[in-house]
Amino acid sequence: EAIQNLKYEVARELGVNLGADTSSRLNGSVGGEMTKRLVELGK
């Protein structure tokens, strides 16, 4: 649930509407930002 919340929070901040109609580049930008934030939390 926490990961799902993070995904939608990041998408909202980036202005990305997640889904099949969105380009893989935009969907991927959400995953990239999530990874960046999770790495920072780990550090």
PDB file of all heavy atoms in Angstrom:
ATOM      1  N   GLU A   1       0.823  -1.209   0.000  1.00  0.00           N
ATOM      2  CA  GLU A   1       0.000   0.000   0.000  1.00  0.00           C
ATOM      3  C   GLU A   1       0.858   1.259   0.000  1.00  0.00           C
ATOM      4  O   GLU A   1       0.542   2.239  -0.668  1.00  0.00           O
ATOM      5  CB  GLU A   1      -0.960   0.013   1.201  1.00  0.00           C
ATOM      6  CG  GLU A   1      -2.014  -1.063   1.155  1.00  0.00           C
ATOM      7  CD  GLU A   1      -1.529  -2.431   1.628  1.00  0.00           C
ATOM      8  OE1 GLU A   1      -0.394  -2.534   2.173  1.00  0.00           O
ATOM      9  OE2 GLU A   1      -2.264  -3.413   1.429  1.00  0.00           O
ATOM     10  N   ALA A   2       1.958   1.228   0.734  1.00  0.00           N
ATOM     11  CA  ALA A   2       2.850   2.390   0.800  1.00  0.00           C
ATOM     12  C   ALA A   2       3.460   2.670  -0.567  1.00  0.00           C
ATOM     13  O   ALA A   2       3.558   3.832  -0.982  1.00  0.00           O
ATOM     14  CB  ALA A   2       3.944   2.156   1.845  1.00  0.00           C
ATOM     15  N   ILE A   3       3.856   1.617  -1.282  1.00  0.00           N
ATOM     16  CA  ILE A   3       4.432   1.791  -2.618  1.00  0.00           C
ATOM     17  C   ILE A   3       3.380   2.332  -3.582  1.00  0.00           C
ATOM     18  O   ILE A   3       3.670   3.210  -4.399  1.00  0.00           O
ATOM     19  CB  ILE A   3       5.031   0.464  -3.129  1.00  0.00           C
ATOM     20  CG1 ILE A   3       6.244   0.067  -2.295  1.00  0.00           C
ATOM     21  CG2 ILE A   3       5.390   0.545  -4.607  1.00  0.00           C
ATOM     22  CD1 ILE A   3       7.428   1.012  -2.389  1.00  0.00           C
ATOM     23  N   GLN A   4       2.159   1.825  -3.492  1.00  0.00           N
ATOM     24  CA  GLN A   4       1.086   2.326  -4.352  1.00  0.00           C
ATOM     25  C   GLN A   4       0.830   3.807  -4.076  1.00  0.00           C
ATOM     26  O   GLN A   4       0.662   4.605  -5.003  1.00  0.00           O
ATOM     27  CB  GLN A   4      -0.205   1.522  -4.139  1.00  0.00           C
ATOM     28  CG  GLN A   4      -0.168   0.138  -4.725  1.00  0.00           C
ATOM     29  CD  GLN A   4      -0.054   0.156  -6.235  1.00  0.00           C
ATOM     30  OE1 GLN A   4      -0.676   0.942  -6.921  1.00  0.00           O
ATOM     31  NE2 GLN A   4       0.781  -0.728  -6.751  1.00  0.00           N
ATOM     32  N   ASN A   5       0.804   4.175  -2.804  1.00  0.00           N
ATOM     33  CA  ASN A   5       0.597   5.583  -2.442  1.00  0.00           C
ATOM     34  C   ASN A   5       1.715   6.453  -2.987  1.00  0.00           C
ATOM     35  O   ASN A   5       1.464   7.545  -3.506  1.00  0.00           O
ATOM     36  CB  ASN A   5       0.500   5.748  -0.921  1.00  0.00           C
ATOM     37  CG  ASN A   5      -0.769   5.176  -0.358  1.00  0.00           C
ATOM     38  OD1 ASN A   5      -1.761   4.982  -1.070  1.00  0.00           O
ATOM     39  ND2 ASN A   5      -0.765   4.891   0.926  1.00  0.00           N
ATOM     40  N   LEU A   6       2.956   5.976  -2.863  1.00  0.00           N
ATOM     41  CA  LEU A   6       4.096   6.727  -3.378  1.00  0.00           C
ATOM     42  C   LEU A   6       3.979   6.895  -4.884  1.00  0.00           C
ATOM     43  O   LEU A   6       4.226   7.979  -5.414  1.00  0.00           O
ATOM     44  CB  LEU A   6       5.407   6.021  -3.025  1.00  0.00           C
ATOM     45  CG  LEU A   6       6.681   6.658  -3.562  1.00  0.00           C
ATOM     46  CD1 LEU A   6       6.869   8.075  -3.023  1.00  0.00           C
ATOM     47  CD2 LEU A   6       7.892   5.792  -3.222  1.00  0.00           C
ATOM     48  N   LYS A   7       3.588   5.837  -5.584  1.00  0.00           N
ATOM     49  CA  LYS A   7       3.463   5.893  -7.041  1.00  0.00           C
ATOM     50  C   LYS A   7       2.482   6.982  -7.458  1.00  0.00           C
ATOM     51  O   LYS A   7       2.795   7.807  -8.326  1.00  0.00           O
ATOM     52  CB  LYS A   7       2.993   4.540  -7.575  1.00  0.00           C
ATOM     53  CG  LYS A   7       2.759   4.543  -9.073  1.00  0.00           C
ATOM     54  CD  LYS A   7       2.518   3.161  -9.637  1.00  0.00           C
ATOM     55  CE  LYS A   7       1.271   2.515  -9.151  1.00  0.00           C
ATOM     56  NZ  LYS A   7       0.975   1.235  -9.817  1.00  0.00           N
ATOM     57  N   TYR A   8       1.322   7.016  -6.829  1.00  0.00           N
ATOM     58  CA  TYR A   8       0.325   8.010  -7.224  1.00  0.00           C
ATOM     59  C   TYR A   8       0.698   9.419  -6.762  1.00  0.00           C
ATOM     60  O   TYR A   8       0.386  10.396  -7.433  1.00  0.00           O
ATOM     61  CB  TYR A   8      -1.068   7.591  -6.750  1.00  0.00           C
ATOM     62  CG  TYR A   8      -1.572   6.434  -7.574  1.00  0.00           C
ATOM     63  CD1 TYR A   8      -1.576   5.147  -7.077  1.00  0.00           C
ATOM     64  CD2 TYR A   8      -1.971   6.633  -8.894  1.00  0.00           C
ATOM     65  CE1 TYR A   8      -2.001   4.083  -7.862  1.00  0.00           C
ATOM     66  CE2 TYR A   8      -2.391   5.573  -9.686  1.00  0.00           C
ATOM     67  CZ  TYR A   8      -2.409   4.305  -9.161  1.00  0.00           C
ATOM     68  OH  TYR A   8      -2.820   3.261  -9.953  1.00  0.00           O
ATOM     69  N   GLU A   9       1.399   9.518  -5.641  1.00  0.00           N
ATOM     70  CA  GLU A   9       1.884  10.826  -5.177  1.00  0.00           C
ATOM     71  C   GLU A   9       2.895  11.396  -6.175  1.00  0.00           C
ATOM     72  O   GLU A   9       2.812  12.566  -6.564  1.00  0.00           O
ATOM     73  CB  GLU A   9       2.531  10.669  -3.806  1.00  0.00           C
ATOM     74  CG  GLU A   9       3.149  11.940  -3.263  1.00  0.00           C
ATOM     75  CD  GLU A   9       3.863  11.712  -1.945  1.00  0.00           C
ATOM     76  OE1 GLU A   9       3.405  10.885  -1.142  1.00  0.00           O
ATOM     77  OE2 GLU A   9       4.888  12.379  -1.725  1.00  0.00           O
ATOM     78  N   VAL A  10       3.841  10.568  -6.596  1.00  0.00           N
ATOM     79  CA  VAL A  10       4.858  11.004  -7.553  1.00  0.00           C
ATOM     80  C   VAL A  10       4.205  11.361  -8.888  1.00  0.00           C
ATOM     81  O   VAL A  10       4.515  12.394  -9.485  1.00  0.00           O
ATOM     82  CB  VAL A  10       5.950   9.926  -7.734  1.00  0.00           C
ATOM     83  CG1 VAL A  10       6.846  10.240  -8.916  1.00  0.00           C
ATOM     84  CG2 VAL A  10       6.775   9.792  -6.462  1.00  0.00           C
ATOM     85  N   ALA A  11       3.289  10.526  -9.351  1.00  0.00           N
ATOM     86  CA  ALA A  11       2.609  10.790 -10.622  1.00  0.00           C
ATOM     87  C   ALA A  11       1.876  12.131 -10.559  1.00  0.00           C
ATOM     88  O   ALA A  11       1.945  12.936 -11.494  1.00  0.00           O
ATOM     89  CB  ALA A  11       1.627   9.663 -10.941  1.00  0.00           C
ATOM     90  N   ARG A  12       1.205  12.377  -9.452  1.00  0.00           N
ATOM     91  CA  ARG A  12       0.478  13.642  -9.283  1.00  0.00           C
ATOM     92  C   ARG A  12       1.449  14.829  -9.314  1.00  0.00           C
ATOM     93  O   ARG A  12       1.200  15.822  -9.982  1.00  0.00           O
ATOM     94  CB  ARG A  12      -0.299  13.591  -7.957  1.00  0.00           C
ATOM     95  CG  ARG A  12      -1.337  14.648  -7.779  1.00  0.00           C
ATOM     96  CD  ARG A  12      -2.230  14.434  -6.554  1.00  0.00           C
ATOM     97  NE  ARG A  12      -1.548  13.934  -5.351  1.00  0.00           N
ATOM     98  CZ  ARG A  12      -1.635  12.697  -4.884  1.00  0.00           C
ATOM     99  NH1 ARG A  12      -2.352  11.791  -5.496  1.00  0.00           N
ATOM    100  NH2 ARG A  12      -0.992  12.347  -3.785  1.00  0.00           N
ATOM    101  N   GLU A  13       2.573  14.698  -8.602  1.00  0.00           N
ATOM    102  CA  GLU A  13       3.567  15.774  -8.576  1.00  0.00           C
ATOM    103  C   GLU A  13       4.166  16.035  -9.954  1.00  0.00           C
ATOM    104  O   GLU A  13       4.475  17.176 -10.292  1.00  0.00           O
ATOM    105  CB  GLU A  13       4.674  15.444  -7.580  1.00  0.00           C
ATOM    106  CG  GLU A  13       4.230  15.515  -6.142  1.00  0.00           C
ATOM    107  CD  GLU A  13       5.308  15.072  -5.181  1.00  0.00           C
ATOM    108  OE1 GLU A  13       6.478  14.885  -5.593  1.00  0.00           O
ATOM    109  OE2 GLU A  13       4.987  14.889  -3.987  1.00  0.00           O
ATOM    110  N   LEU A  14       4.343  14.972 -10.744  1.00  0.00           N
ATOM    111  CA  LEU A  14       4.925  15.118 -12.078  1.00  0.00           C
ATOM    112  C   LEU A  14       3.871  15.452 -13.133  1.00  0.00           C
ATOM    113  O   LEU A  14       4.218  15.692 -14.294  1.00  0.00           O
ATOM    114  CB  LEU A  14       5.666  13.839 -12.481  1.00  0.00           C
ATOM    115  CG  LEU A  14       6.876  13.452 -11.629  1.00  0.00           C
ATOM    116  CD1 LEU A  14       7.461  12.135 -12.111  1.00  0.00           C
ATOM    117  CD2 LEU A  14       7.932  14.544 -11.636  1.00  0.00           C
ATOM    118  N   GLY A  15       2.601  15.422 -12.749  1.00  0.00           N
ATOM    119  CA  GLY A  15       1.531  15.701 -13.702  1.00  0.00           C
ATOM    120  C   GLY A  15       1.309  14.583 -14.699  1.00  0.00           C
ATOM    121  O   GLY A  15       0.908  14.826 -15.834  1.00  0.00           O
ATOM    122  N   VAL A  16       1.562  13.347 -14.271  1.00  0.00           N
ATOM    123  CA  VAL A  16       1.429  12.187 -15.154  1.00  0.00           C
ATOM    124  C   VAL A  16       0.158  11.428 -14.781  1.00  0.00           C
ATOM    125  O   VAL A  16      -0.074  11.127 -13.613  1.00  0.00           O
ATOM    126  CB  VAL A  16       2.651  11.248 -15.016  1.00  0.00           C
ATOM    127  CG1 VAL A  16       2.460   9.982 -15.821  1.00  0.00           C
ATOM    128  CG2 VAL A  16       3.921  11.968 -15.431  1.00  0.00           C
ATOM    129  N   ASN A  17      -0.664  11.126 -15.788  1.00  0.00           N
ATOM    130  CA  ASN A  17      -1.821  10.267 -15.597  1.00  0.00           C
ATOM    131  C   ASN A  17      -1.391   8.851 -15.940  1.00  0.00           C
ATOM    132  O   ASN A  17      -1.211   8.516 -17.100  1.00  0.00           O
ATOM    133  CB  ASN A  17      -2.986  10.687 -16.502  1.00  0.00           C
ATOM    134  CG  ASN A  17      -3.551  12.026 -16.106  1.00  0.00           C
ATOM    135  OD1 ASN A  17      -3.725  12.303 -14.926  1.00  0.00           O
ATOM    136  ND2 ASN A  17      -3.828  12.861 -17.082  1.00  0.00           N
ATOM    137  N   LEU A  18      -1.192   8.031 -14.910  1.00  0.00           N
ATOM    138  CA  LEU A  18      -0.714   6.671 -15.117  1.00  0.00           C
ATOM    139  C   LEU A  18      -1.738   5.850 -15.883  1.00  0.00           C
ATOM    140  O   LEU A  18      -2.930   6.024 -15.716  1.00  0.00           O
ATOM    141  CB  LEU A  18      -0.430   6.002 -13.779  1.00  0.00           C
ATOM    142  CG  LEU A  18       0.690   6.614 -12.963  1.00  0.00           C
ATOM    143  CD1 LEU A  18       0.750   5.967 -11.595  1.00  0.00           C
ATOM    144  CD2 LEU A  18       2.017   6.450 -13.672  1.00  0.00           C
ATOM    145  N   GLY A  19      -1.254   4.948 -16.715  1.00  0.00           N
ATOM    146  CA  GLY A  19      -2.148   4.034 -17.405  1.00  0.00           C
ATOM    147  C   GLY A  19      -1.661   3.672 -18.786  1.00  0.00           C
ATOM    148  O   GLY A  19      -0.627   4.145 -19.263  1.00  0.00           O
ATOM    149  N   ALA A  20      -2.446   2.830 -19.443  1.00  0.00           N
ATOM    150  CA  ALA A  20      -2.082   2.310 -20.769  1.00  0.00           C
ATOM    151  C   ALA A  20      -2.048   3.405 -21.827  1.00  0.00           C
ATOM    152  O   ALA A  20      -1.332   3.284 -22.827  1.00  0.00           O
ATOM    153  CB  ALA A  20      -3.058   1.215 -21.174  1.00  0.00           C
ATOM    154  N   ASP A  21      -2.813   4.469 -21.654  1.00  0.00           N
ATOM    155  CA  ASP A  21      -2.857   5.550 -22.640  1.00  0.00           C
ATOM    156  C   ASP A  21      -1.700   6.538 -22.493  1.00  0.00           C
ATOM    157  O   ASP A  21      -1.546   7.436 -23.311  1.00  0.00           O
ATOM    158  CB  ASP A  21      -4.178   6.307 -22.536  1.00  0.00           C
ATOM    159  CG  ASP A  21      -5.365   5.449 -22.925  1.00  0.00           C
ATOM    160  OD1 ASP A  21      -5.166   4.457 -23.660  1.00  0.00           O
ATOM    161  OD2 ASP A  21      -6.486   5.757 -22.496  1.00  0.00           O
ATOM    162  N   THR A  22      -0.898   6.363 -21.455  1.00  0.00           N
ATOM    163  CA  THR A  22       0.237   7.253 -21.213  1.00  0.00           C
ATOM    164  C   THR A  22       1.491   6.601 -21.789  1.00  0.00           C
ATOM    165  O   THR A  22       1.649   5.390 -21.735  1.00  0.00           O
ATOM    166  CB  THR A  22       0.411   7.474 -19.691  1.00  0.00           C
ATOM    167  OG1 THR A  22      -0.812   7.997 -19.165  1.00  0.00           O
ATOM    168  CG2 THR A  22       1.521   8.454 -19.400  1.00  0.00           C
ATOM    169  N   SER A  23       2.381   7.410 -22.331  1.00  0.00           N
ATOM    170  CA  SER A  23       3.598   6.862 -22.942  1.00  0.00           C
ATOM    171  C   SER A  23       4.445   6.147 -21.897  1.00  0.00           C
ATOM    172  O   SER A  23       4.409   6.466 -20.705  1.00  0.00           O
ATOM    173  CB  SER A  23       4.418   7.972 -23.587  1.00  0.00           C
ATOM    174  OG  SER A  23       5.030   8.780 -22.601  1.00  0.00           O
ATOM    175  N   SER A  24       5.200   5.166 -22.368  1.00  0.00           N
ATOM    176  CA  SER A  24       6.072   4.431 -21.460  1.00  0.00           C
ATOM    177  C   SER A  24       7.121   5.348 -20.852  1.00  0.00           C
ATOM    178  O   SER A  24       7.554   5.148 -19.725  1.00  0.00           O
ATOM    179  CB  SER A  24       6.729   3.253 -22.173  1.00  0.00           C
ATOM    180  OG  SER A  24       7.471   3.687 -23.282  1.00  0.00           O
ATOM    181  N   ARG A  25       7.503   6.384 -21.584  1.00  0.00           N
ATOM    182  CA  ARG A  25       8.479   7.340 -21.055  1.00  0.00           C
ATOM    183  C   ARG A  25       7.911   8.064 -19.831  1.00  0.00           C
ATOM    184  O   ARG A  25       8.591   8.208 -18.819  1.00  0.00           O
ATOM    185  CB  ARG A  25       8.871   8.353 -22.126  1.00  0.00           C
ATOM    186  CG  ARG A  25       9.812   9.441 -21.598  1.00  0.00           C
ATOM    187  CD  ARG A  25      10.230  10.343 -22.708  1.00  0.00           C
ATOM    188  NE  ARG A  25      11.192   9.613 -23.519  1.00  0.00           N
ATOM    189  CZ  ARG A  25      12.355  10.108 -23.905  1.00  0.00           C
ATOM    190  NH1 ARG A  25      12.675  11.341 -23.615  1.00  0.00           N
ATOM    191  NH2 ARG A  25      13.180   9.403 -24.612  1.00  0.00           N
ATOM    192  N   LEU A  26       6.657   8.518 -19.934  1.00  0.00           N
ATOM    193  CA  LEU A  26       6.047   9.215 -18.789  1.00  0.00           C
ATOM    194  C   LEU A  26       5.799   8.257 -17.634  1.00  0.00           C
ATOM    195  O   LEU A  26       6.071   8.588 -16.477  1.00  0.00           O
ATOM    196  CB  LEU A  26       4.754   9.904 -19.207  1.00  0.00           C
ATOM    197  CG  LEU A  26       4.919  11.139 -20.068  1.00  0.00           C
ATOM    198  CD1 LEU A  26       3.557  11.673 -20.528  1.00  0.00           C
ATOM    199  CD2 LEU A  26       5.668  12.228 -19.320  1.00  0.00           C
ATOM    200  N   ASN A  27       5.267   7.075 -17.938  1.00  0.00           N
ATOM    201  CA  ASN A  27       5.068   6.082 -16.873  1.00  0.00           C
ATOM    202  C   ASN A  27       6.404   5.738 -16.229  1.00  0.00           C
ATOM    203  O   ASN A  27       6.498   5.606 -15.008  1.00  0.00           O
ATOM    204  CB  ASN A  27       4.401   4.817 -17.415  1.00  0.00           C
ATOM    205  CG  ASN A  27       2.911   4.969 -17.600  1.00  0.00           C
ATOM    206  OD1 ASN A  27       2.244   5.701 -16.886  1.00  0.00           O
ATOM    207  ND2 ASN A  27       2.368   4.276 -18.582  1.00  0.00           N
ATOM    208  N   GLY A  28       7.446   5.604 -17.038  1.00  0.00           N
ATOM    209  CA  GLY A  28       8.775   5.285 -16.525  1.00  0.00           C
ATOM    210  C   GLY A  28       9.373   6.391 -15.683  1.00  0.00           C
ATOM    211  O   GLY A  28      10.134   6.126 -14.749  1.00  0.00           O
ATOM    212  N   SER A  29       9.013   7.625 -15.990  1.00  0.00           N
ATOM    213  CA  SER A  29       9.532   8.738 -15.192  1.00  0.00           C
ATOM    214  C   SER A  29       9.029   8.648 -13.757  1.00  0.00           C
ATOM    215  O   SER A  29       9.737   9.025 -12.817  1.00  0.00           O
ATOM    216  CB  SER A  29       9.153  10.080 -15.814  1.00  0.00           C
ATOM    217  OG  SER A  29       7.765  10.321 -15.725  1.00  0.00           O
ATOM    218  N   VAL A  30       7.826   8.125 -13.590  1.00  0.00           N
ATOM    219  CA  VAL A  30       7.280   7.950 -12.242  1.00  0.00           C
ATOM    220  C   VAL A  30       8.097   6.890 -11.501  1.00  0.00           C
ATOM    221  O   VAL A  30       8.510   7.098 -10.363  1.00  0.00           O
ATOM    222  CB  VAL A  30       5.784   7.560 -12.301  1.00  0.00           C
ATOM    223  CG1 VAL A  30       5.261   7.210 -10.912  1.00  0.00           C
ATOM    224  CG2 VAL A  30       4.969   8.692 -12.909  1.00  0.00           C
ATOM    225  N   GLY A  31       8.363   5.752 -12.159  1.00  0.00           N
ATOM    226  CA  GLY A  31       9.163   4.706 -11.542  1.00  0.00           C
ATOM    227  C   GLY A  31      10.569   5.174 -11.215  1.00  0.00           C
ATOM    228  O   GLY A  31      11.114   4.835 -10.159  1.00  0.00           O
ATOM    229  N   GLY A  32      11.147   5.958 -12.087  1.00  0.00           N
ATOM    230  CA  GLY A  32      12.486   6.484 -11.837  1.00  0.00           C
ATOM    231  C   GLY A  32      12.530   7.403 -10.632  1.00  0.00           C
ATOM    232  O   GLY A  32      13.451   7.330  -9.809  1.00  0.00           O
ATOM    233  N   GLU A  33      11.532   8.259 -10.514  1.00  0.00           N
ATOM    234  CA  GLU A  33      11.468   9.170  -9.367  1.00  0.00           C
ATOM    235  C   GLU A  33      11.208   8.397  -8.081  1.00  0.00           C
ATOM    236  O   GLU A  33      11.768   8.727  -7.033  1.00  0.00           O
ATOM    237  CB  GLU A  33      10.392  10.235  -9.583  1.00  0.00           C
ATOM    238  CG  GLU A  33      10.276  11.242  -8.466  1.00  0.00           C
ATOM    239  CD  GLU A  33      11.505  12.106  -8.251  1.00  0.00           C
ATOM    240  OE1 GLU A  33      12.309  12.272  -9.186  1.00  0.00           O
ATOM    241  OE2 GLU A  33      11.670  12.631  -7.131  1.00  0.00           O
ATOM    242  N   MET A  34      10.374   7.362  -8.158  1.00  0.00           N
ATOM    243  CA  MET A  34      10.127   6.532  -6.973  1.00  0.00           C
ATOM    244  C   MET A  34      11.427   5.890  -6.501  1.00  0.00           C
ATOM    245  O   MET A  34      11.734   5.897  -5.307  1.00  0.00           O
ATOM    246  CB  MET A  34       9.107   5.434  -7.299  1.00  0.00           C
ATOM    247  CG  MET A  34       7.699   5.921  -7.477  1.00  0.00           C
ATOM    248  SD  MET A  34       6.601   4.598  -8.035  1.00  0.00           S
ATOM    249  CE  MET A  34       6.684   3.457  -6.655  1.00  0.00           C
ATOM    250  N   THR A  35      12.192   5.344  -7.447  1.00  0.00           N
ATOM    251  CA  THR A  35      13.459   4.699  -7.110  1.00  0.00           C
ATOM    252  C   THR A  35      14.409   5.695  -6.470  1.00  0.00           C
ATOM    253  O   THR A  35      15.055   5.405  -5.455  1.00  0.00           O
ATOM    254  CB  THR A  35      14.090   4.085  -8.364  1.00  0.00           C
ATOM    255  OG1 THR A  35      13.180   3.128  -8.910  1.00  0.00           O
ATOM    256  CG2 THR A  35      15.425   3.433  -8.056  1.00  0.00           C
ATOM    257  N   LYS A  36      14.487   6.882  -7.041  1.00  0.00           N
ATOM    258  CA  LYS A  36      15.358   7.932  -6.506  1.00  0.00           C
ATOM    259  C   LYS A  36      14.992   8.247  -5.052  1.00  0.00           C
ATOM    260  O   LYS A  36      15.869   8.334  -4.185  1.00  0.00           O
ATOM    261  CB  LYS A  36      15.206   9.177  -7.386  1.00  0.00           C
ATOM    262  CG  LYS A  36      16.095  10.326  -7.029  1.00  0.00           C
ATOM    263  CD  LYS A  36      15.954  11.388  -8.106  1.00  0.00           C
ATOM    264  CE  LYS A  36      15.998  12.768  -7.514  1.00  0.00           C
ATOM    265  NZ  LYS A  36      15.766  13.809  -8.496  1.00  0.00           N
ATOM    266  N   ARG A  37      13.712   8.388  -4.789  1.00  0.00           N
ATOM    267  CA  ARG A  37      13.270   8.710  -3.420  1.00  0.00           C
ATOM    268  C   ARG A  37      13.520   7.559  -2.458  1.00  0.00           C
ATOM    269  O   ARG A  37      13.921   7.780  -1.305  1.00  0.00           O
ATOM    270  CB  ARG A  37      11.786   9.073  -3.425  1.00  0.00           C
ATOM    271  CG  ARG A  37      11.518  10.384  -4.118  1.00  0.00           C
ATOM    272  CD  ARG A  37      10.071  10.751  -4.065  1.00  0.00           C
ATOM    273  NE  ARG A  37       9.802  11.914  -4.912  1.00  0.00           N
ATOM    274  CZ  ARG A  37       8.665  12.574  -4.892  1.00  0.00           C
ATOM    275  NH1 ARG A  37       7.681  12.210  -4.108  1.00  0.00           N
ATOM    276  NH2 ARG A  37       8.497  13.612  -5.685  1.00  0.00           N
ATOM    277  N   LEU A  38      13.290   6.322  -2.902  1.00  0.00           N
ATOM    278  CA  LEU A  38      13.519   5.181  -2.031  1.00  0.00           C
ATOM    279  C   LEU A  38      14.995   5.005  -1.715  1.00  0.00           C
ATOM    280  O   LEU A  38      15.356   4.660  -0.585  1.00  0.00           O
ATOM    281  CB  LEU A  38      12.935   3.909  -2.660  1.00  0.00           C
ATOM    282  CG  LEU A  38      11.408   3.872  -2.715  1.00  0.00           C
ATOM    283  CD1 LEU A  38      10.933   2.708  -3.571  1.00  0.00           C
ATOM    284  CD2 LEU A  38      10.801   3.809  -1.324  1.00  0.00           C
ATOM    285  N   VAL A  39      15.850   5.264  -2.679  1.00  0.00           N
ATOM    286  CA  VAL A  39      17.293   5.196  -2.432  1.00  0.00           C
ATOM    287  C   VAL A  39      17.695   6.251  -1.404  1.00  0.00           C
ATOM    288  O   VAL A  39      18.471   5.986  -0.482  1.00  0.00           O
ATOM    289  CB  VAL A  39      18.093   5.350  -3.746  1.00  0.00           C
ATOM    290  CG1 VAL A  39      19.571   5.595  -3.476  1.00  0.00           C
ATOM    291  CG2 VAL A  39      17.901   4.122  -4.624  1.00  0.00           C
ATOM    292  N   GLU A  40      17.170   7.456  -1.541  1.00  0.00           N
ATOM    293  CA  GLU A  40      17.477   8.520  -0.575  1.00  0.00           C
ATOM    294  C   GLU A  40      17.013   8.138   0.829  1.00  0.00           C
ATOM    295  O   GLU A  40      17.733   8.380   1.799  1.00  0.00           O
ATOM    296  CB  GLU A  40      16.840   9.848  -1.001  1.00  0.00           C
ATOM    297  CG  GLU A  40      17.619  10.569  -2.075  1.00  0.00           C
ATOM    298  CD  GLU A  40      19.064  10.844  -1.677  1.00  0.00           C
ATOM    299  OE1 GLU A  40      19.318  11.356  -0.561  1.00  0.00           O
ATOM    300  OE2 GLU A  40      19.948  10.536  -2.487  1.00  0.00           O
ATOM    301  N   LEU A  41      15.814   7.556   0.928  1.00  0.00           N
ATOM    302  CA  LEU A  41      15.325   7.110   2.242  1.00  0.00           C
ATOM    303  C   LEU A  41      16.255   6.056   2.833  1.00  0.00           C
ATOM    304  O   LEU A  41      16.557   6.085   4.029  1.00  0.00           O
ATOM    305  CB  LEU A  41      13.916   6.538   2.117  1.00  0.00           C
ATOM    306  CG  LEU A  41      12.779   7.532   1.996  1.00  0.00           C
ATOM    307  CD1 LEU A  41      11.469   6.808   1.680  1.00  0.00           C
ATOM    308  CD2 LEU A  41      12.634   8.334   3.269  1.00  0.00           C
ATOM    309  N   GLY A  42      16.705   5.127   1.995  1.00  0.00           N
ATOM    310  CA  GLY A  42      17.629   4.096   2.457  1.00  0.00           C
ATOM    311  C   GLY A  42      18.944   4.676   2.937  1.00  0.00           C
ATOM    312  O   GLY A  42      19.468   4.278   3.977  1.00  0.00           O
ATOM    313  N   LYS A  43      19.471   5.631   2.206  1.00  0.00           N
ATOM    314  CA  LYS A  43      20.728   6.279   2.599  1.00  0.00           C
ATOM    315  C   LYS A  43      20.581   6.977   3.946  1.00  0.00           C
ATOM    316  O   LYS A  43      21.446   6.869   4.816  1.00  0.00           O
ATOM    317  CB  LYS A  43      21.161   7.294   1.548  1.00  0.00           C
ATOM    318  CG  LYS A  43      21.732   6.691   0.304  1.00  0.00           C
ATOM    319  CD  LYS A  43      22.131   7.791  -0.665  1.00  0.00           C
ATOM    320  CE  LYS A  43      22.715   7.262  -1.946  1.00  0.00           C
ATOM    321  NZ  LYS A  43      23.077   8.345  -2.877  1.00  0.00           N
TER     322      LYS A  43
END
